[in-house]
């Protein structure tokens, strides 16, 4: 992720998150084999996050390919990319994994006592 920040800005962060999730799968798979765990259950639980990160990367890459904010300051680009990335991630999860999103909203409401 730090390499992504250095060389790719917010798009690099999105790409780094995706790569980190994919690379960690090998280590987690080995841990599950040693512990006789069920890797499929783990994959099922992180799959929405992997898809959300990939969607966020594609959206940010596409947005940054358009010279819309190229003349803006770094702070404006950082704010815009962060907002666009967060919205694309949340939309991806809420549209593609509605049950996971509903469970997340319930958890947040419970934690905030709403």
N, C-alpha and C. Protein backbone atom coordinates (compact mmCIF):
# COMPACT_ATOMS: atom_id res chain seq x y z
N UNK A 1 0.84 -1.18 0.00
CA UNK A 1 0.00 0.00 0.00
C UNK A 1 0.88 1.25 0.00
N UNK A 2 1.96 1.22 0.79
CA UNK A 2 2.86 2.37 0.82
C UNK A 2 3.52 2.61 -0.53
N UNK A 3 3.86 1.54 -1.23
CA UNK A 3 4.41 1.68 -2.58
C UNK A 3 3.36 2.29 -3.50
N UNK A 4 2.11 1.87 -3.33
CA UNK A 4 1.02 2.43 -4.13
C UNK A 4 0.85 3.91 -3.90
N UNK A 5 0.96 4.35 -2.65
CA UNK A 5 0.85 5.78 -2.34
C UNK A 5 1.97 6.54 -3.03
N UNK A 6 3.17 6.00 -2.95
CA UNK A 6 4.35 6.70 -3.49
C UNK A 6 4.29 6.82 -5.01
N UNK A 7 3.88 5.77 -5.68
CA UNK A 7 3.96 5.77 -7.14
C UNK A 7 2.63 5.91 -7.85
N UNK A 8 1.52 5.80 -7.15
CA UNK A 8 0.26 5.84 -7.85
C UNK A 8 -0.81 6.68 -7.19
N UNK A 9 -0.48 7.34 -6.09
CA UNK A 9 -1.49 8.15 -5.41
C UNK A 9 -2.64 7.30 -4.94
N UNK A 10 -3.83 7.85 -5.04
CA UNK A 10 -5.01 7.13 -4.55
C UNK A 10 -5.31 5.90 -5.40
N UNK A 11 -5.01 5.95 -6.68
CA UNK A 11 -5.18 4.76 -7.53
C UNK A 11 -4.22 3.67 -7.07
N UNK A 12 -3.02 4.07 -6.70
CA UNK A 12 -2.04 3.12 -6.20
C UNK A 12 -2.48 2.49 -4.89
N UNK A 13 -3.14 3.26 -4.03
CA UNK A 13 -3.67 2.72 -2.78
C UNK A 13 -4.73 1.67 -3.07
N UNK A 14 -5.65 1.98 -3.97
CA UNK A 14 -6.70 1.03 -4.34
C UNK A 14 -6.08 -0.25 -4.91
N UNK A 15 -5.10 -0.09 -5.78
CA UNK A 15 -4.42 -1.24 -6.37
C UNK A 15 -3.68 -2.01 -5.29
N UNK A 16 -3.01 -1.29 -4.39
CA UNK A 16 -2.28 -1.93 -3.30
C UNK A 16 -3.19 -2.73 -2.38
N UNK A 17 -4.37 -2.19 -2.09
CA UNK A 17 -5.33 -2.92 -1.25
C UNK A 17 -5.74 -4.23 -1.92
N UNK A 18 -6.01 -4.16 -3.21
CA UNK A 18 -6.40 -5.35 -3.95
C UNK A 18 -5.26 -6.38 -3.95
N UNK A 19 -4.05 -5.93 -4.24
CA UNK A 19 -2.90 -6.83 -4.28
C UNK A 19 -2.66 -7.44 -2.90
N UNK A 20 -2.75 -6.63 -1.84
CA UNK A 20 -2.54 -7.13 -0.49
C UNK A 20 -3.54 -8.23 -0.15
N UNK A 21 -4.79 -8.03 -0.55
CA UNK A 21 -5.81 -9.04 -0.27
C UNK A 21 -5.53 -10.33 -1.03
N UNK A 22 -5.11 -10.21 -2.28
CA UNK A 22 -4.84 -11.41 -3.08
C UNK A 22 -3.58 -12.12 -2.59
N UNK A 23 -2.52 -11.36 -2.30
CA UNK A 23 -1.28 -11.98 -1.82
C UNK A 23 -1.48 -12.66 -0.48
N UNK A 24 -2.27 -12.06 0.38
CA UNK A 24 -2.48 -12.66 1.70
C UNK A 24 -3.23 -13.98 1.61
N UNK A 25 -3.91 -14.23 0.52
CA UNK A 25 -4.66 -15.48 0.38
C UNK A 25 -3.75 -16.70 0.48
N UNK A 26 -2.56 -16.62 -0.09
CA UNK A 26 -1.63 -17.74 -0.02
C UNK A 26 -1.23 -18.06 1.41
N UNK A 27 -0.92 -17.03 2.19
CA UNK A 27 -0.55 -17.24 3.58
C UNK A 27 -1.73 -17.76 4.40
N UNK A 28 -2.87 -17.21 4.15
CA UNK A 28 -4.06 -17.64 4.89
C UNK A 28 -4.41 -19.07 4.54
N UNK A 29 -4.29 -19.42 3.25
CA UNK A 29 -4.58 -20.78 2.82
C UNK A 29 -3.67 -21.77 3.56
N UNK A 30 -2.39 -21.44 3.65
CA UNK A 30 -1.45 -22.33 4.34
C UNK A 30 -1.81 -22.44 5.83
N UNK A 31 -2.18 -21.32 6.44
CA UNK A 31 -2.57 -21.34 7.85
C UNK A 31 -3.80 -22.22 8.05
N UNK A 32 -4.75 -22.12 7.15
CA UNK A 32 -5.96 -22.94 7.27
C UNK A 32 -5.64 -24.42 7.09
N UNK A 33 -4.69 -24.73 6.22
CA UNK A 33 -4.29 -26.14 6.04
C UNK A 33 -3.66 -26.68 7.31
N UNK A 34 -2.78 -25.88 7.92
CA UNK A 34 -2.10 -26.32 9.15
C UNK A 34 -3.11 -26.48 10.28
N UNK A 35 -4.08 -25.57 10.35
CA UNK A 35 -5.06 -25.59 11.44
C UNK A 35 -6.30 -26.42 11.13
N UNK A 36 -6.31 -27.07 9.97
CA UNK A 36 -7.46 -27.86 9.52
C UNK A 36 -8.73 -27.01 9.47
N UNK A 37 -8.60 -25.78 9.02
CA UNK A 37 -9.74 -24.89 8.90
C UNK A 37 -10.38 -24.97 7.52
N UNK A 38 -11.45 -24.25 7.35
CA UNK A 38 -12.18 -24.25 6.09
C UNK A 38 -11.87 -22.96 5.33
N UNK A 39 -10.97 -23.07 4.34
CA UNK A 39 -10.56 -21.90 3.57
C UNK A 39 -11.73 -21.33 2.78
N UNK A 40 -12.65 -22.14 2.34
CA UNK A 40 -13.80 -21.64 1.56
C UNK A 40 -14.64 -20.66 2.37
N UNK A 41 -14.79 -20.92 3.65
CA UNK A 41 -15.54 -19.99 4.51
C UNK A 41 -14.82 -18.65 4.60
N UNK A 42 -13.51 -18.70 4.73
CA UNK A 42 -12.72 -17.46 4.77
C UNK A 42 -12.86 -16.69 3.47
N UNK A 43 -12.70 -17.39 2.35
CA UNK A 43 -12.81 -16.74 1.03
C UNK A 43 -14.19 -16.12 0.86
N UNK A 44 -15.21 -16.84 1.30
CA UNK A 44 -16.57 -16.34 1.21
C UNK A 44 -16.73 -15.04 2.01
N UNK A 45 -16.05 -14.95 3.14
CA UNK A 45 -16.19 -13.76 3.97
C UNK A 45 -15.42 -12.56 3.43
N UNK A 46 -14.28 -12.78 2.75
CA UNK A 46 -13.52 -11.64 2.24
C UNK A 46 -13.81 -11.30 0.78
N UNK A 47 -14.54 -12.16 0.09
CA UNK A 47 -14.81 -11.93 -1.33
C UNK A 47 -15.46 -10.57 -1.60
N UNK A 48 -16.46 -10.13 -0.82
CA UNK A 48 -17.02 -8.80 -1.07
C UNK A 48 -15.98 -7.69 -0.96
N UNK A 49 -15.06 -7.78 -0.01
CA UNK A 49 -14.02 -6.75 0.12
C UNK A 49 -13.07 -6.76 -1.07
N UNK A 50 -12.76 -7.94 -1.57
CA UNK A 50 -11.88 -8.05 -2.74
C UNK A 50 -12.56 -7.42 -3.95
N UNK A 51 -13.81 -7.74 -4.16
CA UNK A 51 -14.55 -7.17 -5.29
C UNK A 51 -14.69 -5.65 -5.12
N UNK A 52 -15.01 -5.19 -3.92
CA UNK A 52 -15.13 -3.76 -3.67
C UNK A 52 -13.83 -3.02 -3.94
N UNK A 53 -12.70 -3.60 -3.54
CA UNK A 53 -11.40 -2.99 -3.81
C UNK A 53 -11.10 -2.94 -5.30
N UNK A 54 -11.44 -3.99 -6.00
CA UNK A 54 -11.20 -4.02 -7.45
C UNK A 54 -12.07 -2.99 -8.16
N UNK A 55 -13.33 -2.88 -7.77
CA UNK A 55 -14.21 -1.87 -8.35
C UNK A 55 -13.67 -0.47 -8.06
N UNK A 56 -13.23 -0.24 -6.83
CA UNK A 56 -12.68 1.06 -6.45
C UNK A 56 -11.47 1.38 -7.30
N UNK A 57 -10.59 0.42 -7.52
CA UNK A 57 -9.42 0.64 -8.36
C UNK A 57 -9.81 1.02 -9.78
N UNK A 58 -10.74 0.27 -10.36
CA UNK A 58 -11.16 0.54 -11.74
C UNK A 58 -11.77 1.93 -11.86
N UNK A 59 -12.62 2.30 -10.92
CA UNK A 59 -13.26 3.62 -10.94
C UNK A 59 -12.22 4.72 -10.81
N UNK A 60 -11.32 4.59 -9.84
CA UNK A 60 -10.30 5.63 -9.64
C UNK A 60 -9.34 5.71 -10.82
N UNK A 61 -8.99 4.57 -11.38
CA UNK A 61 -8.12 4.56 -12.56
C UNK A 61 -8.81 5.28 -13.72
N UNK A 62 -10.10 5.00 -13.90
CA UNK A 62 -10.85 5.65 -14.97
C UNK A 62 -10.99 7.15 -14.75
N UNK A 63 -11.29 7.53 -13.52
CA UNK A 63 -11.44 8.96 -13.20
C UNK A 63 -10.12 9.70 -13.40
N UNK A 64 -9.04 9.09 -12.98
CA UNK A 64 -7.74 9.75 -13.11
C UNK A 64 -7.22 9.76 -14.53
N UNK A 65 -7.78 8.93 -15.40
CA UNK A 65 -7.40 8.97 -16.81
C UNK A 65 -8.01 10.18 -17.51
N UNK A 66 -9.08 10.70 -16.95
CA UNK A 66 -9.73 11.90 -17.50
C UNK A 66 -9.04 13.12 -16.88
N UNK A 67 -8.60 14.06 -17.69
CA UNK A 67 -7.88 15.22 -17.14
C UNK A 67 -8.79 16.22 -16.42
N UNK A 68 -9.68 15.71 -15.61
CA UNK A 68 -10.66 16.54 -14.93
C UNK A 68 -10.02 17.34 -13.79
N UNK A 69 -9.24 16.68 -12.97
CA UNK A 69 -8.65 17.33 -11.80
C UNK A 69 -7.13 17.48 -11.88
N UNK A 70 -6.57 17.29 -13.05
CA UNK A 70 -5.12 17.32 -13.19
C UNK A 70 -4.51 18.67 -12.81
N UNK A 71 -5.22 19.74 -12.98
CA UNK A 71 -4.70 21.06 -12.64
C UNK A 71 -5.03 21.48 -11.21
N UNK A 72 -5.68 20.62 -10.47
CA UNK A 72 -6.04 20.92 -9.09
C UNK A 72 -4.85 20.68 -8.17
N UNK A 73 -4.95 21.22 -6.97
CA UNK A 73 -3.89 20.97 -5.99
C UNK A 73 -3.94 19.52 -5.53
N UNK A 74 -2.86 19.09 -4.91
CA UNK A 74 -2.79 17.71 -4.42
C UNK A 74 -3.87 17.44 -3.38
N UNK A 75 -4.18 18.43 -2.55
CA UNK A 75 -5.20 18.26 -1.52
C UNK A 75 -6.59 18.08 -2.12
N UNK A 76 -6.88 18.82 -3.18
CA UNK A 76 -8.18 18.69 -3.85
C UNK A 76 -8.28 17.31 -4.50
N UNK A 77 -7.22 16.88 -5.17
CA UNK A 77 -7.22 15.56 -5.79
C UNK A 77 -7.35 14.45 -4.75
N UNK A 78 -6.64 14.61 -3.63
CA UNK A 78 -6.72 13.61 -2.56
C UNK A 78 -8.14 13.52 -2.01
N UNK A 79 -8.76 14.66 -1.76
CA UNK A 79 -10.13 14.68 -1.25
C UNK A 79 -11.09 14.07 -2.26
N UNK A 80 -10.98 14.49 -3.52
CA UNK A 80 -11.88 13.99 -4.56
C UNK A 80 -11.70 12.48 -4.76
N UNK A 81 -10.45 12.03 -4.84
CA UNK A 81 -10.20 10.60 -5.03
C UNK A 81 -10.67 9.79 -3.83
N UNK A 82 -10.48 10.31 -2.63
CA UNK A 82 -10.94 9.60 -1.43
C UNK A 82 -12.45 9.48 -1.41
N UNK A 83 -13.12 10.57 -1.74
CA UNK A 83 -14.58 10.56 -1.77
C UNK A 83 -15.10 9.62 -2.86
N UNK A 84 -14.54 9.73 -4.05
CA UNK A 84 -14.97 8.87 -5.16
C UNK A 84 -14.67 7.40 -4.86
N UNK A 85 -13.50 7.13 -4.28
CA UNK A 85 -13.13 5.76 -3.93
C UNK A 85 -14.07 5.17 -2.89
N UNK A 86 -14.36 5.95 -1.86
CA UNK A 86 -15.25 5.46 -0.80
C UNK A 86 -16.66 5.20 -1.34
N UNK A 87 -17.16 6.12 -2.15
CA UNK A 87 -18.50 5.96 -2.72
C UNK A 87 -18.55 4.74 -3.64
N UNK A 88 -17.53 4.56 -4.48
CA UNK A 88 -17.53 3.41 -5.40
C UNK A 88 -17.45 2.10 -4.63
N UNK A 89 -16.66 2.05 -3.56
CA UNK A 89 -16.54 0.84 -2.74
C UNK A 89 -17.88 0.51 -2.08
N UNK A 90 -18.48 1.52 -1.46
CA UNK A 90 -19.76 1.32 -0.78
C UNK A 90 -20.86 0.92 -1.77
N UNK A 91 -20.89 1.58 -2.92
CA UNK A 91 -21.89 1.21 -3.93
C UNK A 91 -21.69 -0.21 -4.43
N UNK A 92 -20.44 -0.60 -4.64
CA UNK A 92 -20.16 -1.96 -5.11
C UNK A 92 -20.66 -2.99 -4.10
N UNK A 93 -20.35 -2.75 -2.82
CA UNK A 93 -20.78 -3.70 -1.79
C UNK A 93 -22.30 -3.70 -1.66
N UNK A 94 -22.91 -2.50 -1.68
CA UNK A 94 -24.36 -2.43 -1.46
C UNK A 94 -25.14 -2.99 -2.65
N UNK A 95 -24.62 -2.87 -3.85
CA UNK A 95 -25.34 -3.37 -5.03
C UNK A 95 -25.05 -4.84 -5.32
N UNK A 96 -23.81 -5.26 -5.12
CA UNK A 96 -23.43 -6.63 -5.47
C UNK A 96 -23.59 -7.62 -4.31
N UNK A 97 -23.52 -7.11 -3.09
CA UNK A 97 -23.60 -7.97 -1.91
C UNK A 97 -24.56 -7.34 -0.90
N UNK A 98 -25.80 -7.28 -1.28
CA UNK A 98 -26.82 -6.59 -0.48
C UNK A 98 -26.92 -7.13 0.95
N UNK A 99 -26.85 -8.44 1.12
CA UNK A 99 -26.95 -9.03 2.45
C UNK A 99 -25.80 -8.61 3.35
N UNK A 100 -24.59 -8.59 2.80
CA UNK A 100 -23.42 -8.17 3.56
C UNK A 100 -23.56 -6.71 3.96
N UNK A 101 -24.05 -5.89 3.04
CA UNK A 101 -24.22 -4.47 3.32
C UNK A 101 -25.26 -4.25 4.41
N UNK A 102 -26.37 -4.98 4.34
CA UNK A 102 -27.41 -4.86 5.37
C UNK A 102 -26.87 -5.27 6.74
N UNK A 103 -26.09 -6.34 6.78
CA UNK A 103 -25.49 -6.77 8.05
C UNK A 103 -24.54 -5.70 8.59
N UNK A 104 -23.80 -5.06 7.70
CA UNK A 104 -22.89 -3.99 8.13
C UNK A 104 -23.66 -2.82 8.72
N UNK A 105 -24.76 -2.44 8.07
CA UNK A 105 -25.58 -1.33 8.57
C UNK A 105 -26.15 -1.68 9.95
N UNK A 106 -26.61 -2.92 10.12
CA UNK A 106 -27.12 -3.35 11.43
C UNK A 106 -26.03 -3.26 12.49
N UNK A 107 -24.83 -3.66 12.13
CA UNK A 107 -23.71 -3.61 13.07
C UNK A 107 -23.39 -2.18 13.47
N UNK A 108 -23.38 -1.27 12.49
CA UNK A 108 -23.09 0.13 12.77
C UNK A 108 -24.19 0.72 13.66
N UNK A 109 -25.44 0.44 13.34
CA UNK A 109 -26.55 0.95 14.15
C UNK A 109 -26.47 0.41 15.57
N UNK A 110 -26.14 -0.86 15.72
CA UNK A 110 -26.02 -1.44 17.05
C UNK A 110 -24.88 -0.78 17.82
N UNK A 111 -23.76 -0.56 17.14
CA UNK A 111 -22.62 0.08 17.79
C UNK A 111 -22.88 1.52 18.17
N UNK A 112 -23.70 2.21 17.39
CA UNK A 112 -24.02 3.59 17.68
C UNK A 112 -25.30 3.74 18.50
N UNK A 113 -25.92 2.61 18.83
CA UNK A 113 -27.16 2.58 19.62
C UNK A 113 -28.32 3.33 18.94
N UNK A 114 -28.48 3.11 17.65
CA UNK A 114 -29.61 3.71 16.92
C UNK A 114 -30.76 2.75 16.89
